[in-house]
């Protein structure tokens, strides 16, 4: 059985969209979400945040975590 994986690009894209809507810098997003700016920078490179930072980011977005999880064929779980 294949486990779901985090779609880092989809999460980053959602953060960027919200950031632009709110007219915030990435540093401001990091401060509001309670994560370090380097977390967001690493995500730009495709690196996954740890579970606590992932939870903080989806909370800031107001989105369900499952929106960013993908099954084996890429479908949302």
C-alpha atoms as a PDB file:
ATOM      1  CA  UNK A   1       0.000   0.000   0.000  1.00  0.00           C
ATOM      2  CA  UNK A   2       1.346   3.407  -0.992  1.00  0.00           C
ATOM      3  CA  UNK A   3       1.021   6.178   1.540  1.00  0.00           C
ATOM      4  CA  UNK A   4      -0.210   9.652   0.639  1.00  0.00           C
ATOM      5  CA  UNK A   5       2.469  12.227  -0.055  1.00  0.00           C
ATOM      6  CA  UNK A   6       2.545  15.950   0.465  1.00  0.00           C
ATOM      7  CA  UNK A   7       2.224  18.008  -2.710  1.00  0.00           C
ATOM      8  CA  UNK A   8       4.734  20.692  -1.765  1.00  0.00           C
ATOM      9  CA  UNK A   9       4.170  22.617  -4.998  1.00  0.00           C
ATOM     10  CA  UNK A  10       0.408  22.833  -4.429  1.00  0.00           C
ATOM     11  CA  UNK A  11       0.962  24.021  -0.854  1.00  0.00           C
ATOM     12  CA  UNK A  12       3.522  26.601  -1.959  1.00  0.00           C
ATOM     13  CA  UNK A  13       1.222  27.802  -4.748  1.00  0.00           C
ATOM     14  CA  UNK A  14      -1.679  28.218  -2.291  1.00  0.00           C
ATOM     15  CA  UNK A  15       0.566  30.131   0.115  1.00  0.00           C
ATOM     16  CA  UNK A  16       1.774  32.367  -2.709  1.00  0.00           C
ATOM     17  CA  UNK A  17      -1.761  33.077  -3.860  1.00  0.00           C
ATOM     18  CA  UNK A  18      -2.848  34.003  -0.341  1.00  0.00           C
ATOM     19  CA  UNK A  19       0.332  36.054   0.119  1.00  0.00           C
ATOM     20  CA  UNK A  20      -0.355  38.061  -3.027  1.00  0.00           C
ATOM     21  CA  UNK A  21      -4.029  38.514  -2.110  1.00  0.00           C
ATOM     22  CA  UNK A  22      -3.042  39.903   1.289  1.00  0.00           C
ATOM     23  CA  UNK A  23      -0.131  41.880  -0.233  1.00  0.00           C
ATOM     24  CA  UNK A  24       2.400  40.337   2.145  1.00  0.00           C
ATOM     25  CA  UNK A  25       6.061  39.526   1.819  1.00  0.00           C
ATOM     26  CA  UNK A  26       7.242  35.978   2.381  1.00  0.00           C
ATOM     27  CA  UNK A  27       8.768  37.127   5.691  1.00  0.00           C
ATOM     28  CA  UNK A  28       5.379  38.448   6.766  1.00  0.00           C
ATOM     29  CA  UNK A  29       3.739  35.146   5.824  1.00  0.00           C
ATOM     30  CA  UNK A  30       6.329  33.289   7.887  1.00  0.00           C
ATOM     31  CA  UNK A  31       5.762  35.566  10.889  1.00  0.00           C
ATOM     32  CA  UNK A  32       1.966  35.299  10.688  1.00  0.00           C
ATOM     33  CA  UNK A  33       2.073  31.516  10.257  1.00  0.00           C
ATOM     34  CA  UNK A  34       4.645  31.048  13.014  1.00  0.00           C
ATOM     35  CA  UNK A  35       7.318  29.411  10.859  1.00  0.00           C
ATOM     36  CA  UNK A  36      10.785  30.541   9.875  1.00  0.00           C
ATOM     37  CA  UNK A  37      11.349  32.265   6.535  1.00  0.00           C
ATOM     38  CA  UNK A  38      13.803  29.476   5.707  1.00  0.00           C
ATOM     39  CA  UNK A  39      10.925  26.974   5.863  1.00  0.00           C
ATOM     40  CA  UNK A  40       9.229  28.815   3.023  1.00  0.00           C
ATOM     41  CA  UNK A  41      12.502  29.170   1.134  1.00  0.00           C
ATOM     42  CA  UNK A  42      13.141  25.425   1.357  1.00  0.00           C
ATOM     43  CA  UNK A  43       9.633  24.759   0.051  1.00  0.00           C
ATOM     44  CA  UNK A  44      10.511  26.817  -3.042  1.00  0.00           C
ATOM     45  CA  UNK A  45      13.182  24.171  -3.648  1.00  0.00           C
ATOM     46  CA  UNK A  46      10.618  21.364  -3.296  1.00  0.00           C
ATOM     47  CA  UNK A  47      11.557  20.391   0.248  1.00  0.00           C
ATOM     48  CA  UNK A  48       8.757  19.323   2.593  1.00  0.00           C
ATOM     49  CA  UNK A  49       8.082  21.107   5.877  1.00  0.00           C
ATOM     50  CA  UNK A  50       7.895  18.949   8.985  1.00  0.00           C
ATOM     51  CA  UNK A  51       4.461  18.076  10.321  1.00  0.00           C
ATOM     52  CA  UNK A  52       4.311  20.961  12.831  1.00  0.00           C
ATOM     53  CA  UNK A  53       5.199  23.542  10.208  1.00  0.00           C
ATOM     54  CA  UNK A  54       2.821  21.932   7.719  1.00  0.00           C
ATOM     55  CA  UNK A  55       0.028  22.233  10.309  1.00  0.00           C
ATOM     56  CA  UNK A  56       0.904  25.885  10.950  1.00  0.00           C
ATOM     57  CA  UNK A  57       0.868  26.684   7.233  1.00  0.00           C
ATOM     58  CA  UNK A  58      -2.467  25.031   6.465  1.00  0.00           C
ATOM     59  CA  UNK A  59      -3.904  26.722   9.555  1.00  0.00           C
ATOM     60  CA  UNK A  60      -2.717  30.087   8.235  1.00  0.00           C
ATOM     61  CA  UNK A  61      -4.288  29.277   4.882  1.00  0.00           C
ATOM     62  CA  UNK A  62      -7.531  28.168   6.507  1.00  0.00           C
ATOM     63  CA  UNK A  63      -7.421  25.077   4.302  1.00  0.00           C
ATOM     64  CA  UNK A  64      -7.855  21.405   5.186  1.00  0.00           C
ATOM     65  CA  UNK A  65      -4.553  19.527   5.291  1.00  0.00           C
ATOM     66  CA  UNK A  66      -5.964  16.849   3.009  1.00  0.00           C
ATOM     67  CA  UNK A  67      -6.153  19.372   0.194  1.00  0.00           C
ATOM     68  CA  UNK A  68      -2.379  18.999  -0.188  1.00  0.00           C
ATOM     69  CA  UNK A  69      -2.078  15.225   0.167  1.00  0.00           C
ATOM     70  CA  UNK A  70      -1.922  13.052  -2.959  1.00  0.00           C
ATOM     71  CA  UNK A  71      -2.439   9.350  -3.485  1.00  0.00           C
ATOM     72  CA  UNK A  72      -0.291   7.099  -5.659  1.00  0.00           C
ATOM     73  CA  UNK A  73      -1.706   8.346  -8.956  1.00  0.00           C
ATOM     74  CA  UNK A  74      -1.622  12.009  -7.935  1.00  0.00           C
ATOM     75  CA  UNK A  75      -5.267  12.304  -6.928  1.00  0.00           C
ATOM     76  CA  UNK A  76      -6.239  14.202  -3.780  1.00  0.00           C
ATOM     77  CA  UNK A  77      -6.958  11.965  -0.801  1.00  0.00           C
END
